[in-house]
Every structure is written in C-alpha cells, then in structure tokens.
Amino acid sequence: MRVVMAEDSVLLRVGVQRLLADEGIETVAAVEDGDALLAAVREHRPDLALVDVRMPPTFTDEGLRAAIEARKRVPGLPVLVLSQYVEERYAVELLAGGASGVGYLLKERVADVAEFVDSLRRVAAGGTSIDHEVVTQLMARSRRKPVDSLTQREREVLGLMAQGMSNGAIGAALVVSDGAVEKHVGNIFAKLGLEPSSSEHRRVRAVLTYLDLA
C-alpha cells in the first residue's frame, strides 16, 4: 500500500512514517501543507492520503479543505483524516462527497497501533473508519433524522458500522450472534431504502445516512 501523508509536525510525520514502514506500508510522500498534499497526490496517485486538519499557514482547516480538493482531482481517492479536532463543516463535506474510502480518527483516541493500521487498510479498500466521538459531534450537528425508523439495537449496530466494524466484531461488542447482526444489518438496509447495487457500497451508504450526509 502506498500512502501520501500531510502533517505539519515533523516529529509526528517521521514517527508515523516509521510506524507504517514497520507494517509494510510505503509512504511515498510526507508533506507539511495543503498545497504540497495536492501536488503529491497528483504525482504519486497513492492508495490513500493520511491528512491532518490544521496545517500552515493559518492552522485552521487547510488540511481538510485540501483533502476535499484532492478527492475532486482524483475521484475515489481514499482519505483518512487524523487530527486532534473535529472540524464539523468540512468533515461533513468530506464524508458526504463520496460513498467509499473515507475515515476520520482523533489522534488522542488512537490507542492501538494494530487498530490504526487496520483503519488505514480498511479505508484504502473503500470502507470507512470514523471515531465514535466524531460520529457523536456530527450527529449533534444534524437537524434531520433519517434513521427514526430504526430500533435502538439497529442504531447501535449502525453506530458500530460507522466505526468500520465487521459483522463479527459487532456481534462480539454487543454479545449477540453473527446471525443476529446479519438480520439487524438487513433490516437497516431495508428501512433506509438501500437496495443492492453494483455501483454503491451499502454499508458505507448506510453510515452516511446515519450521519445525515447521504
């Protein structure tokens, strides 16, 4: 897997690069601002862009805006945001801008290297990995409620899907069988009107609907 990383902290940039190398993941470019990210993505066409939110020159939302622009220039580019902050406005735009290959993790809540690497691979493969705290803040921002028809258990299942969990992992977390999870997932798809499609990933579309972004 080939990654372009945008992070203004040189220590974190080098540290993550070494961590990825230990896991057999190649960092083809490690840059410190949004313009350099766009140039690196254009040059290398990576399997994933790993992006911080706040970068030079104003340290507000340059990284996230650059990630959105990168996905416009390279349609389908998987992007995983790794930040200390939930920048709600552009987070919504990023997550709503494509049906696959998006993630948003909070630095201080990444406690396990294996889980972090798994998130990288999942997003690169077209899935999602969204921190529960990000989900909570985006849900609080939402005005409409497209998931009102779901039961409490179905909401719990969908919330865990938003974090990128497989059916087996969801079953373990909720202490229910895989069959029960499959039934809940099927009910979720049906209630949200997500019919089977060759062009859409229904799990991702369900997550975006859950976040009120679809």
N, C-alpha and C. Protein backbone atom coordinates (compact mmCIF):
# COMPACT_ATOMS: atom_id res chain seq x y z
N MET A 1 0.84 -1.19 0.00
CA MET A 1 0.00 0.00 0.00
C MET A 1 0.88 1.24 0.00
N ARG A 2 0.51 2.25 -0.79
CA ARG A 2 1.28 3.47 -0.93
C ARG A 2 0.47 4.64 -0.34
N VAL A 3 1.12 5.41 0.53
CA VAL A 3 0.42 6.47 1.26
C VAL A 3 1.12 7.81 1.05
N VAL A 4 0.31 8.86 0.89
CA VAL A 4 0.79 10.23 0.97
C VAL A 4 0.30 10.79 2.31
N MET A 5 1.22 11.36 3.09
CA MET A 5 0.87 11.88 4.41
C MET A 5 1.06 13.39 4.44
N ALA A 6 0.07 14.09 5.00
CA ALA A 6 0.17 15.53 5.20
C ALA A 6 0.03 15.83 6.69
N GLU A 7 1.12 16.28 7.29
CA GLU A 7 1.17 16.54 8.74
C GLU A 7 2.25 17.59 8.99
N ASP A 8 1.88 18.68 9.70
CA ASP A 8 2.84 19.77 9.87
C ASP A 8 3.87 19.48 10.97
N SER A 9 3.58 18.59 11.91
CA SER A 9 4.52 18.26 12.97
C SER A 9 5.57 17.28 12.44
N VAL A 10 6.82 17.72 12.41
CA VAL A 10 7.87 16.87 11.85
C VAL A 10 8.06 15.61 12.68
N LEU A 11 7.94 15.71 14.01
CA LEU A 11 8.10 14.52 14.84
C LEU A 11 7.01 13.49 14.57
N LEU A 12 5.77 13.96 14.48
CA LEU A 12 4.68 13.04 14.21
C LEU A 12 4.78 12.49 12.79
N ARG A 13 5.20 13.33 11.87
CA ARG A 13 5.32 12.89 10.49
C ARG A 13 6.34 11.76 10.37
N VAL A 14 7.49 11.95 10.98
CA VAL A 14 8.54 10.92 10.93
C VAL A 14 8.11 9.68 11.70
N GLY A 15 7.49 9.89 12.85
CA GLY A 15 7.08 8.75 13.66
C GLY A 15 6.05 7.87 12.97
N VAL A 16 5.04 8.48 12.38
CA VAL A 16 4.01 7.71 11.68
C VAL A 16 4.61 7.02 10.46
N GLN A 17 5.51 7.72 9.77
CA GLN A 17 6.15 7.11 8.61
C GLN A 17 6.91 5.84 8.98
N ARG A 18 7.62 5.87 10.10
CA ARG A 18 8.36 4.69 10.55
C ARG A 18 7.40 3.58 10.99
N LEU A 19 6.32 3.98 11.66
CA LEU A 19 5.31 3.00 12.07
C LEU A 19 4.73 2.28 10.86
N LEU A 20 4.41 3.06 9.82
CA LEU A 20 3.84 2.45 8.62
C LEU A 20 4.85 1.54 7.93
N ALA A 21 6.10 1.97 7.90
CA ALA A 21 7.14 1.14 7.27
C ALA A 21 7.25 -0.21 7.98
N ASP A 22 7.13 -0.20 9.30
CA ASP A 22 7.18 -1.46 10.06
C ASP A 22 6.04 -2.39 9.69
N GLU A 23 4.95 -1.82 9.20
CA GLU A 23 3.79 -2.61 8.82
C GLU A 23 3.75 -2.90 7.32
N GLY A 24 4.84 -2.58 6.62
CA GLY A 24 4.93 -2.85 5.20
C GLY A 24 4.17 -1.87 4.34
N ILE A 25 3.90 -0.67 4.88
CA ILE A 25 3.19 0.36 4.14
C ILE A 25 4.17 1.44 3.74
N GLU A 26 4.23 1.76 2.46
CA GLU A 26 5.19 2.72 1.94
C GLU A 26 4.61 4.13 1.95
N THR A 27 5.34 5.06 2.56
CA THR A 27 4.96 6.47 2.49
C THR A 27 5.71 7.08 1.31
N VAL A 28 5.00 7.34 0.22
CA VAL A 28 5.65 7.84 -0.99
C VAL A 28 5.91 9.33 -0.92
N ALA A 29 5.21 10.04 -0.02
CA ALA A 29 5.46 11.46 0.19
C ALA A 29 4.95 11.85 1.57
N ALA A 30 5.71 12.67 2.28
CA ALA A 30 5.31 13.18 3.58
C ALA A 30 5.49 14.70 3.54
N VAL A 31 4.37 15.43 3.57
CA VAL A 31 4.41 16.87 3.34
C VAL A 31 3.80 17.60 4.54
N GLU A 32 3.93 18.94 4.54
CA GLU A 32 3.51 19.69 5.71
C GLU A 32 2.43 20.73 5.44
N ASP A 33 1.91 20.82 4.21
CA ASP A 33 0.83 21.77 3.96
C ASP A 33 -0.08 21.27 2.85
N GLY A 34 -1.22 21.97 2.69
CA GLY A 34 -2.24 21.53 1.75
C GLY A 34 -1.80 21.55 0.31
N ASP A 35 -1.07 22.59 -0.10
CA ASP A 35 -0.62 22.68 -1.49
C ASP A 35 0.32 21.52 -1.83
N ALA A 36 1.20 21.21 -0.90
CA ALA A 36 2.12 20.09 -1.13
C ALA A 36 1.37 18.76 -1.18
N LEU A 37 0.29 18.66 -0.40
CA LEU A 37 -0.53 17.44 -0.46
C LEU A 37 -1.12 17.26 -1.85
N LEU A 38 -1.68 18.33 -2.40
CA LEU A 38 -2.29 18.23 -3.73
C LEU A 38 -1.26 17.86 -4.78
N ALA A 39 -0.07 18.45 -4.68
CA ALA A 39 1.00 18.13 -5.63
C ALA A 39 1.43 16.67 -5.51
N ALA A 40 1.55 16.18 -4.26
CA ALA A 40 1.99 14.81 -4.03
C ALA A 40 0.94 13.81 -4.52
N VAL A 41 -0.32 14.11 -4.29
CA VAL A 41 -1.39 13.22 -4.75
C VAL A 41 -1.41 13.15 -6.27
N ARG A 42 -1.23 14.31 -6.90
CA ARG A 42 -1.21 14.34 -8.36
C ARG A 42 -0.03 13.55 -8.92
N GLU A 43 1.12 13.66 -8.26
CA GLU A 43 2.32 12.99 -8.75
C GLU A 43 2.29 11.49 -8.50
N HIS A 44 1.88 11.08 -7.30
CA HIS A 44 2.04 9.68 -6.90
C HIS A 44 0.78 8.83 -7.04
N ARG A 45 -0.38 9.44 -7.11
CA ARG A 45 -1.64 8.68 -7.18
C ARG A 45 -1.64 7.55 -6.13
N PRO A 46 -1.60 7.91 -4.85
CA PRO A 46 -1.43 6.90 -3.79
C PRO A 46 -2.69 6.08 -3.57
N ASP A 47 -2.53 5.03 -2.78
CA ASP A 47 -3.68 4.21 -2.39
C ASP A 47 -4.49 4.89 -1.30
N LEU A 48 -3.86 5.84 -0.59
CA LEU A 48 -4.56 6.53 0.49
C LEU A 48 -3.82 7.82 0.84
N ALA A 49 -4.58 8.86 1.20
CA ALA A 49 -4.00 10.09 1.73
C ALA A 49 -4.32 10.16 3.23
N LEU A 50 -3.30 10.31 4.05
CA LEU A 50 -3.44 10.44 5.50
C LEU A 50 -3.20 11.90 5.84
N VAL A 51 -4.24 12.58 6.36
CA VAL A 51 -4.21 14.04 6.40
C VAL A 51 -4.59 14.58 7.78
N ASP A 52 -3.80 15.56 8.24
CA ASP A 52 -4.16 16.32 9.43
C ASP A 52 -5.09 17.45 9.02
N VAL A 53 -5.86 18.00 9.98
CA VAL A 53 -6.80 19.08 9.68
C VAL A 53 -6.12 20.43 9.66
N ARG A 54 -5.38 20.75 10.70
CA ARG A 54 -4.82 22.09 10.87
C ARG A 54 -3.36 22.12 10.44
N MET A 55 -3.11 22.87 9.35
CA MET A 55 -1.76 22.98 8.80
C MET A 55 -1.50 24.42 8.39
N PRO A 56 -0.25 24.75 8.02
CA PRO A 56 0.07 26.12 7.61
C PRO A 56 -0.79 26.54 6.40
N PRO A 57 -1.04 27.86 6.22
CA PRO A 57 -0.44 28.95 7.01
C PRO A 57 -1.27 29.40 8.22
N THR A 58 -2.57 29.09 8.27
CA THR A 58 -3.40 29.63 9.36
C THR A 58 -3.69 28.62 10.45
N PHE A 59 -3.37 27.34 10.20
CA PHE A 59 -3.59 26.28 11.18
C PHE A 59 -5.06 26.22 11.64
N THR A 60 -5.96 26.29 10.65
CA THR A 60 -7.39 26.14 10.94
C THR A 60 -7.94 24.88 10.30
N ASP A 61 -8.18 24.93 8.99
CA ASP A 61 -8.80 23.78 8.32
C ASP A 61 -8.16 23.47 6.97
N GLU A 62 -6.91 23.95 6.77
CA GLU A 62 -6.26 23.79 5.46
C GLU A 62 -6.16 22.33 5.01
N GLY A 63 -5.82 21.45 5.94
CA GLY A 63 -5.64 20.05 5.58
C GLY A 63 -6.92 19.40 5.10
N LEU A 64 -8.01 19.67 5.80
CA LEU A 64 -9.29 19.08 5.44
C LEU A 64 -9.78 19.62 4.11
N ARG A 65 -9.61 20.92 3.90
CA ARG A 65 -10.02 21.50 2.61
C ARG A 65 -9.18 20.94 1.47
N ALA A 66 -7.89 20.73 1.74
CA ALA A 66 -7.03 20.14 0.72
C ALA A 66 -7.43 18.70 0.42
N ALA A 67 -7.83 17.96 1.45
CA ALA A 67 -8.28 16.57 1.24
C ALA A 67 -9.53 16.53 0.36
N ILE A 68 -10.45 17.45 0.59
CA ILE A 68 -11.66 17.53 -0.24
C ILE A 68 -11.29 17.83 -1.68
N GLU A 69 -10.38 18.77 -1.87
CA GLU A 69 -9.95 19.13 -3.22
C GLU A 69 -9.21 17.96 -3.87
N ALA A 70 -8.42 17.23 -3.09
CA ALA A 70 -7.69 16.07 -3.64
C ALA A 70 -8.66 15.02 -4.17
N ARG A 71 -9.77 14.80 -3.45
CA ARG A 71 -10.76 13.82 -3.90
C ARG A 71 -11.48 14.29 -5.16
N LYS A 72 -11.58 15.61 -5.34
CA LYS A 72 -12.17 16.13 -6.57
C LYS A 72 -11.23 15.91 -7.74
N ARG A 73 -9.94 16.12 -7.50
CA ARG A 73 -8.96 15.98 -8.57
C ARG A 73 -8.65 14.52 -8.89
N VAL A 74 -8.72 13.68 -7.87
CA VAL A 74 -8.51 12.24 -8.06
C VAL A 74 -9.74 11.53 -7.52
N PRO A 75 -10.79 11.41 -8.32
CA PRO A 75 -12.05 10.81 -7.85
C PRO A 75 -11.82 9.43 -7.25
N GLY A 76 -12.42 9.23 -6.06
CA GLY A 76 -12.30 7.94 -5.39
C GLY A 76 -11.06 7.81 -4.53
N LEU A 77 -10.23 8.86 -4.46
CA LEU A 77 -9.04 8.79 -3.62
C LEU A 77 -9.44 8.53 -2.17
N PRO A 78 -9.00 7.43 -1.57
CA PRO A 78 -9.29 7.19 -0.15
C PRO A 78 -8.57 8.21 0.74
N VAL A 79 -9.28 8.77 1.69
CA VAL A 79 -8.72 9.77 2.60
C VAL A 79 -9.04 9.39 4.03
N LEU A 80 -8.00 9.35 4.86
CA LEU A 80 -8.18 9.16 6.29
C LEU A 80 -7.66 10.39 7.01
N VAL A 81 -8.55 11.11 7.68
CA VAL A 81 -8.18 12.28 8.46
C VAL A 81 -7.72 11.81 9.84
N LEU A 82 -6.58 12.33 10.27
CA LEU A 82 -6.06 12.02 11.61
C LEU A 82 -5.76 13.35 12.28
N SER A 83 -6.57 13.72 13.26
CA SER A 83 -6.47 15.06 13.81
C SER A 83 -6.79 15.08 15.30
N GLN A 84 -6.49 16.20 15.93
CA GLN A 84 -6.90 16.42 17.31
C GLN A 84 -8.30 17.03 17.38
N TYR A 85 -8.81 17.47 16.24
CA TYR A 85 -10.03 18.26 16.22
C TYR A 85 -11.08 17.67 15.29
N VAL A 86 -12.35 17.93 15.60
CA VAL A 86 -13.45 17.62 14.68
C VAL A 86 -13.87 18.95 14.05
N GLU A 87 -13.48 19.15 12.81
CA GLU A 87 -13.85 20.36 12.09
C GLU A 87 -15.15 20.04 11.35
N GLU A 88 -16.28 20.38 11.95
CA GLU A 88 -17.57 19.84 11.53
C GLU A 88 -17.95 20.19 10.10
N ARG A 89 -17.79 21.45 9.73
CA ARG A 89 -18.26 21.87 8.41
C ARG A 89 -17.61 21.07 7.29
N TYR A 90 -16.28 21.04 7.26
CA TYR A 90 -15.60 20.36 6.18
C TYR A 90 -15.57 18.84 6.38
N ALA A 91 -15.72 18.39 7.62
CA ALA A 91 -15.85 16.95 7.84
C ALA A 91 -17.10 16.44 7.15
N VAL A 92 -18.20 17.19 7.28
CA VAL A 92 -19.44 16.81 6.61
C VAL A 92 -19.24 16.78 5.11
N GLU A 93 -18.57 17.79 4.57
CA GLU A 93 -18.35 17.84 3.12
C GLU A 93 -17.49 16.68 2.64
N LEU A 94 -16.45 16.36 3.40
CA LEU A 94 -15.58 15.24 3.03
C LEU A 94 -16.34 13.93 3.04
N LEU A 95 -17.05 13.66 4.13
CA LEU A 95 -17.74 12.38 4.27
C LEU A 95 -18.91 12.26 3.30
N ALA A 96 -19.54 13.38 2.96
CA ALA A 96 -20.67 13.34 2.03
C ALA A 96 -20.23 13.34 0.58
N GLY A 97 -18.95 13.63 0.34
CA GLY A 97 -18.50 13.81 -1.02
C GLY A 97 -18.23 12.53 -1.78
N GLY A 98 -18.33 11.39 -1.13
CA GLY A 98 -18.09 10.13 -1.82
C GLY A 98 -18.63 8.99 -1.00
N ALA A 99 -18.97 7.89 -1.67
CA ALA A 99 -19.62 6.78 -0.99
C ALA A 99 -18.64 5.75 -0.44
N SER A 100 -17.35 6.01 -0.57
CA SER A 100 -16.41 4.99 -0.10
C SER A 100 -15.06 5.63 0.18
N GLY A 101 -14.27 4.89 0.97
CA GLY A 101 -12.90 5.30 1.21
C GLY A 101 -12.73 6.58 1.99
N VAL A 102 -13.45 6.71 3.12
CA VAL A 102 -13.29 7.90 3.95
C VAL A 102 -13.19 7.49 5.42
N GLY A 103 -12.39 8.26 6.18
CA GLY A 103 -12.25 7.99 7.60
C GLY A 103 -11.88 9.25 8.34
N TYR A 104 -12.15 9.25 9.64
CA TYR A 104 -11.83 10.41 10.48
C TYR A 104 -11.53 9.87 11.87
N LEU A 105 -10.25 9.93 12.27
CA LEU A 105 -9.83 9.46 13.58
C LEU A 105 -9.24 10.62 14.38
N LEU A 106 -9.39 10.56 15.69
CA LEU A 106 -8.82 11.55 16.59
C LEU A 106 -7.52 11.03 17.18
N LYS A 107 -6.48 11.84 17.09
CA LYS A 107 -5.13 11.41 17.49
C LYS A 107 -5.09 10.87 18.92
N GLU A 108 -5.71 11.61 19.84
CA GLU A 108 -5.60 11.22 21.24
C GLU A 108 -6.38 9.96 21.56
N ARG A 109 -7.25 9.52 20.64
CA ARG A 109 -8.05 8.33 20.89
C ARG A 109 -7.51 7.10 20.16
N VAL A 110 -6.40 7.28 19.43
CA VAL A 110 -5.75 6.13 18.79
C VAL A 110 -4.85 5.48 19.83
N ALA A 111 -5.30 4.37 20.37
CA ALA A 111 -4.58 3.74 21.47
C ALA A 111 -3.92 2.42 21.08
N ASP A 112 -4.17 1.95 19.87
CA ASP A 112 -3.66 0.65 19.47
C ASP A 112 -3.14 0.73 18.04
N VAL A 113 -1.87 0.42 17.84
CA VAL A 113 -1.25 0.52 16.52
C VAL A 113 -1.92 -0.40 15.53
N ALA A 114 -2.22 -1.63 15.95
CA ALA A 114 -2.84 -2.60 15.04
C ALA A 114 -4.19 -2.10 14.56
N GLU A 115 -4.98 -1.50 15.45
CA GLU A 115 -6.28 -0.96 15.05
C GLU A 115 -6.12 0.21 14.10
N PHE A 116 -5.12 1.05 14.34
CA PHE A 116 -4.86 2.18 13.46
C PHE A 116 -4.50 1.70 12.06
N VAL A 117 -3.61 0.73 11.98
CA VAL A 117 -3.20 0.18 10.68
C VAL A 117 -4.39 -0.48 9.99
N ASP A 118 -5.22 -1.18 10.77
CA ASP A 118 -6.42 -1.79 10.21
C ASP A 118 -7.34 -0.73 9.62
N SER A 119 -7.45 0.42 10.30
CA SER A 119 -8.27 1.52 9.78
C SER A 119 -7.72 2.03 8.46
N LEU A 120 -6.40 2.17 8.38
CA LEU A 120 -5.77 2.60 7.13
C LEU A 120 -6.12 1.65 5.98
N ARG A 121 -5.96 0.37 6.24
CA ARG A 121 -6.20 -0.62 5.18
C ARG A 121 -7.68 -0.66 4.80
N ARG A 122 -8.54 -0.51 5.80
CA ARG A 122 -9.98 -0.54 5.53
C ARG A 122 -10.41 0.62 4.64
N VAL A 123 -9.93 1.82 4.97
CA VAL A 123 -10.28 2.99 4.18
C VAL A 123 -9.69 2.89 2.77
N ALA A 124 -8.45 2.42 2.67
CA ALA A 124 -7.82 2.25 1.36
C ALA A 124 -8.60 1.27 0.49
N ALA A 125 -9.25 0.30 1.13
CA ALA A 125 -10.04 -0.71 0.40
C ALA A 125 -11.45 -0.23 0.08
N GLY A 126 -11.78 1.02 0.48
CA GLY A 126 -13.09 1.56 0.13
C GLY A 126 -14.08 1.58 1.27
N GLY A 127 -13.63 1.23 2.48
CA GLY A 127 -14.54 1.23 3.63
C GLY A 127 -14.48 2.53 4.41
N THR A 128 -14.98 2.49 5.63
CA THR A 128 -14.97 3.67 6.49
C THR A 128 -14.33 3.34 7.83
N SER A 129 -13.84 4.38 8.48
CA SER A 129 -13.35 4.25 9.86
C SER A 129 -13.54 5.62 10.50
N ILE A 130 -14.61 5.76 11.27
CA ILE A 130 -14.96 7.05 11.85
C ILE A 130 -15.03 6.91 13.36
N ASP A 131 -14.24 7.70 14.06
CA ASP A 131 -14.20 7.65 15.51
C ASP A 131 -15.57 7.95 16.10
N HIS A 132 -15.90 7.25 17.18
CA HIS A 132 -17.21 7.41 17.81
C HIS A 132 -17.46 8.86 18.22
N GLU A 133 -16.42 9.56 18.68
CA GLU A 133 -16.58 10.96 19.08
C GLU A 133 -16.91 11.85 17.88
N VAL A 134 -16.34 11.53 16.73
CA VAL A 134 -16.68 12.27 15.51
C VAL A 134 -18.13 12.03 15.14
N VAL A 135 -18.55 10.77 15.21
CA VAL A 135 -19.96 10.44 14.93
C VAL A 135 -20.88 11.23 15.86
N THR A 136 -20.55 11.27 17.14
CA THR A 136 -21.39 11.97 18.12
C THR A 136 -21.51 13.45 17.79
N GLN A 137 -20.40 14.09 17.45
CA GLN A 137 -20.44 15.52 17.16
C GLN A 137 -21.19 15.82 15.87
N LEU A 138 -21.04 14.96 14.86
CA LEU A 138 -21.75 15.20 13.61
C LEU A 138 -23.24 14.93 13.76
N MET A 139 -23.58 13.95 14.58
CA MET A 139 -25.00 13.70 14.85
C MET A 139 -25.63 14.88 15.57
N ALA A 140 -24.90 15.49 16.50
CA ALA A 140 -25.42 16.64 17.23
C ALA A 140 -25.63 17.82 16.30
N ARG A 141 -24.85 17.89 15.25
CA ARG A 141 -24.96 18.97 14.26
C ARG A 141 -26.18 18.80 13.37
N SER A 142 -26.60 17.56 13.20
CA SER A 142 -27.67 17.25 12.25
C SER A 142 -29.02 17.78 12.70
N ARG A 143 -29.83 18.20 11.75
CA ARG A 143 -31.18 18.68 12.03
C ARG A 143 -32.23 17.63 11.65
N ARG A 144 -32.02 17.01 10.52
CA ARG A 144 -32.98 15.98 10.10
C ARG A 144 -32.66 14.67 10.78
N LYS A 145 -33.65 13.74 10.80
CA LYS A 145 -33.46 12.46 11.47
C LYS A 145 -33.89 11.33 10.54
N PRO A 146 -33.02 10.95 9.59
CA PRO A 146 -33.38 9.94 8.61
C PRO A 146 -33.41 8.52 9.16
N VAL A 147 -32.97 8.34 10.41
CA VAL A 147 -32.91 6.99 10.96
C VAL A 147 -33.96 6.77 12.04
N ASP A 148 -34.99 7.60 12.07
CA ASP A 148 -36.01 7.49 13.11
C ASP A 148 -36.72 6.14 13.11
N SER A 149 -36.75 5.49 11.95
CA SER A 149 -37.47 4.22 11.85
C SER A 149 -36.70 3.04 12.44
N LEU A 150 -35.42 3.25 12.77
CA LEU A 150 -34.61 2.16 13.28
C LEU A 150 -34.87 1.93 14.76
N THR A 151 -34.79 0.66 15.17
CA THR A 151 -34.89 0.35 16.59
C THR A 151 -33.60 0.77 17.30
N GLN A 152 -33.61 0.76 18.62
CA GLN A 152 -32.43 1.12 19.38
C GLN A 152 -31.27 0.19 19.06
N ARG A 153 -31.55 -1.11 18.96
CA ARG A 153 -30.49 -2.07 18.65
C ARG A 153 -29.94 -1.83 17.25
N GLU A 154 -30.80 -1.53 16.29
CA GLU A 154 -30.34 -1.25 14.93
C GLU A 154 -29.48 0.00 14.89
N ARG A 155 -29.82 1.00 15.71
CA ARG A 155 -28.98 2.19 15.80
C ARG A 155 -27.61 1.85 16.36
N GLU A 156 -27.58 0.96 17.37
CA GLU A 156 -26.30 0.55 17.94
C GLU A 156 -25.45 -0.16 16.89
N VAL A 157 -26.08 -1.05 16.14
CA VAL A 157 -25.36 -1.77 15.09
C VAL A 157 -24.82 -0.79 14.04
N LEU A 158 -25.65 0.17 13.63
CA LEU A 158 -25.24 1.12 12.61
C LEU A 158 -24.13 2.03 13.14
N GLY A 159 -24.19 2.38 14.42
CA GLY A 159 -23.13 3.18 15.01
C GLY A 159 -21.79 2.45 14.98
N LEU A 160 -21.82 1.15 15.23
CA LEU A 160 -20.59 0.35 15.18
C LEU A 160 -20.12 0.16 13.73
N MET A 161 -21.06 0.08 12.80
CA MET A 161 -20.70 0.04 11.39
C MET A 161 -19.96 1.31 10.99
N ALA A 162 -20.39 2.45 11.55
CA ALA A 162 -19.74 3.73 11.25
C ALA A 162 -18.29 3.73 11.68
N GLN A 163 -17.98 2.93 12.69
CA GLN A 163 -16.60 2.82 13.16
C GLN A 163 -15.78 1.82 12.34
N GLY A 164 -16.43 1.21 11.34
CA GLY A 164 -15.74 0.30 10.44
C GLY A 164 -15.73 -1.14 10.89
N MET A 165 -16.54 -1.49 11.89
CA MET A 165 -16.53 -2.85 12.40
C MET A 165 -17.21 -3.83 11.44
N SER A 166 -16.68 -5.04 11.38
CA SER A 166 -17.30 -6.12 10.63
C SER A 166 -18.47 -6.67 11.42
N ASN A 167 -19.27 -7.53 10.78
CA ASN A 167 -20.39 -8.15 11.49
C ASN A 167 -19.91 -8.96 12.69
N GLY A 168 -18.80 -9.67 12.53
CA GLY A 168 -18.28 -10.47 13.64
C GLY A 168 -17.86 -9.61 14.81
N ALA A 169 -17.19 -8.48 14.51
CA ALA A 169 -16.76 -7.58 15.57
C ALA A 169 -17.95 -6.93 16.26
N ILE A 170 -18.98 -6.60 15.49
CA ILE A 170 -20.19 -6.02 16.06
C ILE A 170 -20.86 -7.02 16.98
N GLY A 171 -20.94 -8.26 16.54
CA GLY A 171 -21.54 -9.31 17.37
C GLY A 171 -20.81 -9.47 18.68
N ALA A 172 -19.47 -9.44 18.63
CA ALA A 172 -18.68 -9.57 19.85
C ALA A 172 -18.90 -8.38 20.78
N ALA A 173 -18.99 -7.17 20.21
CA ALA A 173 -19.17 -5.97 21.02
C ALA A 173 -20.53 -5.95 21.70
N LEU A 174 -21.55 -6.44 21.00
CA LEU A 174 -22.92 -6.42 21.53
C LEU A 174 -23.32 -7.72 22.20
N VAL A 175 -22.41 -8.71 22.14
CA VAL A 175 -22.65 -10.04 22.71
C VAL A 175 -23.92 -10.67 22.10
N VAL A 176 -23.94 -10.69 20.78
CA VAL A 176 -25.02 -11.36 20.04
C VAL A 176 -24.38 -12.20 18.94
N SER A 177 -25.15 -13.08 18.34
CA SER A 177 -24.62 -13.97 17.31
C SER A 177 -24.41 -13.22 15.99
N ASP A 178 -23.57 -13.81 15.12
CA ASP A 178 -23.36 -13.24 13.80
C ASP A 178 -24.67 -13.20 13.03
N GLY A 179 -25.49 -14.22 13.22
CA GLY A 179 -26.77 -14.26 12.53
C GLY A 179 -27.68 -13.11 12.95
N ALA A 180 -27.65 -12.79 14.23
CA ALA A 180 -28.47 -11.67 14.72
C ALA A 180 -27.98 -10.37 14.12
N VAL A 181 -26.66 -10.21 14.02
CA VAL A 181 -26.12 -8.99 13.43
C VAL A 181 -26.53 -8.89 11.96
N GLU A 182 -26.42 -10.01 11.23
CA GLU A 182 -26.81 -10.01 9.82
C GLU A 182 -28.27 -9.61 9.65
N LYS A 183 -29.12 -10.07 10.56
CA LYS A 183 -30.53 -9.71 10.50
C LYS A 183 -30.71 -8.21 10.74
N HIS A 184 -30.01 -7.69 11.73
CA HIS A 184 -30.11 -6.25 12.01
C HIS A 184 -29.61 -5.43 10.82
N VAL A 185 -28.50 -5.86 10.23
CA VAL A 185 -27.94 -5.13 9.08
C VAL A 185 -28.93 -5.16 7.92
N GLY A 186 -29.53 -6.31 7.67
CA GLY A 186 -30.54 -6.41 6.62
C GLY A 186 -31.71 -5.48 6.87
N ASN A 187 -32.16 -5.42 8.12
CA ASN A 187 -33.26 -4.51 8.47
C ASN A 187 -32.87 -3.05 8.25
N ILE A 188 -31.63 -2.73 8.59
CA ILE A 188 -31.14 -1.36 8.40
C ILE A 188 -31.18 -0.99 6.93
N PHE A 189 -30.66 -1.87 6.07
CA PHE A 189 -30.66 -1.59 4.64
C PHE A 189 -32.09 -1.39 4.14
N ALA A 190 -32.98 -2.26 4.57
CA ALA A 190 -34.36 -2.18 4.11
C ALA A 190 -35.03 -0.88 4.56
N LYS A 191 -34.85 -0.52 5.83
CA LYS A 191 -35.51 0.68 6.36
C LYS A 191 -34.94 1.97 5.76
N LEU A 192 -33.68 1.93 5.38
CA LEU A 192 -33.06 3.12 4.79
C LEU A 192 -33.20 3.14 3.27
N GLY A 193 -33.87 2.12 2.72
CA GLY A 193 -34.11 2.08 1.29
C GLY A 193 -32.86 1.84 0.47
N LEU A 194 -31.92 1.09 1.02
CA LEU A 194 -30.66 0.83 0.33
C LEU A 194 -30.72 -0.52 -0.36
N GLU A 195 -31.13 -0.51 -1.60
CA GLU A 195 -31.23 -1.74 -2.38
C GLU A 195 -29.86 -2.18 -2.86
N PRO A 196 -29.67 -3.48 -3.13
CA PRO A 196 -28.38 -3.94 -3.65
C PRO A 196 -28.02 -3.20 -4.92
N SER A 197 -26.74 -2.84 -5.06
CA SER A 197 -26.29 -2.09 -6.22
C SER A 197 -24.86 -2.47 -6.54
N SER A 198 -24.53 -2.52 -7.81
CA SER A 198 -23.17 -2.84 -8.23
C SER A 198 -22.26 -1.62 -8.15
N SER A 199 -22.85 -0.43 -8.00
CA SER A 199 -22.06 0.80 -8.01
C SER A 199 -21.94 1.46 -6.65
N GLU A 200 -22.59 0.93 -5.63
CA GLU A 200 -22.54 1.55 -4.32
C GLU A 200 -22.23 0.51 -3.24
N HIS A 201 -21.53 0.93 -2.25
CA HIS A 201 -21.23 0.10 -1.09
C HIS A 201 -22.32 0.38 -0.07
N ARG A 202 -23.24 -0.57 0.16
CA ARG A 202 -24.39 -0.28 1.01
C ARG A 202 -24.02 0.01 2.45
N ARG A 203 -23.00 -0.62 2.96
CA ARG A 203 -22.60 -0.34 4.34
C ARG A 203 -22.16 1.11 4.48
N VAL A 204 -21.39 1.58 3.50
CA VAL A 204 -20.93 2.97 3.55
C VAL A 204 -22.10 3.93 3.38
N ARG A 205 -23.00 3.63 2.46
CA ARG A 205 -24.17 4.49 2.27
C ARG A 205 -25.04 4.52 3.53
N ALA A 206 -25.14 3.39 4.21
CA ALA A 206 -25.90 3.35 5.46
C ALA A 206 -25.24 4.24 6.51
N VAL A 207 -23.90 4.20 6.57
CA VAL A 207 -23.19 5.03 7.53
C VAL A 207 -23.42 6.51 7.22
N LEU A 208 -23.32 6.89 5.94
CA LEU A 208 -23.54 8.28 5.58
C LEU A 208 -24.96 8.73 5.90
N THR A 209 -25.91 7.83 5.72
CA THR A 209 -27.29 8.17 6.06
C THR A 209 -27.41 8.34 7.57
N TYR A 210 -26.75 7.47 8.32
CA TYR A 210 -26.75 7.57 9.77
C TYR A 210 -26.21 8.92 10.24
N LEU A 211 -25.19 9.42 9.54
CA LEU A 211 -24.61 10.71 9.88
C LEU A 211 -25.37 11.86 9.26
N ASP A 212 -26.47 11.53 8.53
CA ASP A 212 -27.30 12.54 7.88
C ASP A 212 -26.54 13.23 6.75
N LEU A 213 -25.71 12.47 6.03
CA LEU A 213 -24.92 13.06 4.98
C LEU A 213 -25.29 12.55 3.60
N ALA A 214 -26.11 11.52 3.51
CA ALA A 214 -26.38 10.91 2.22
C ALA A 214 -27.37 11.73 1.41
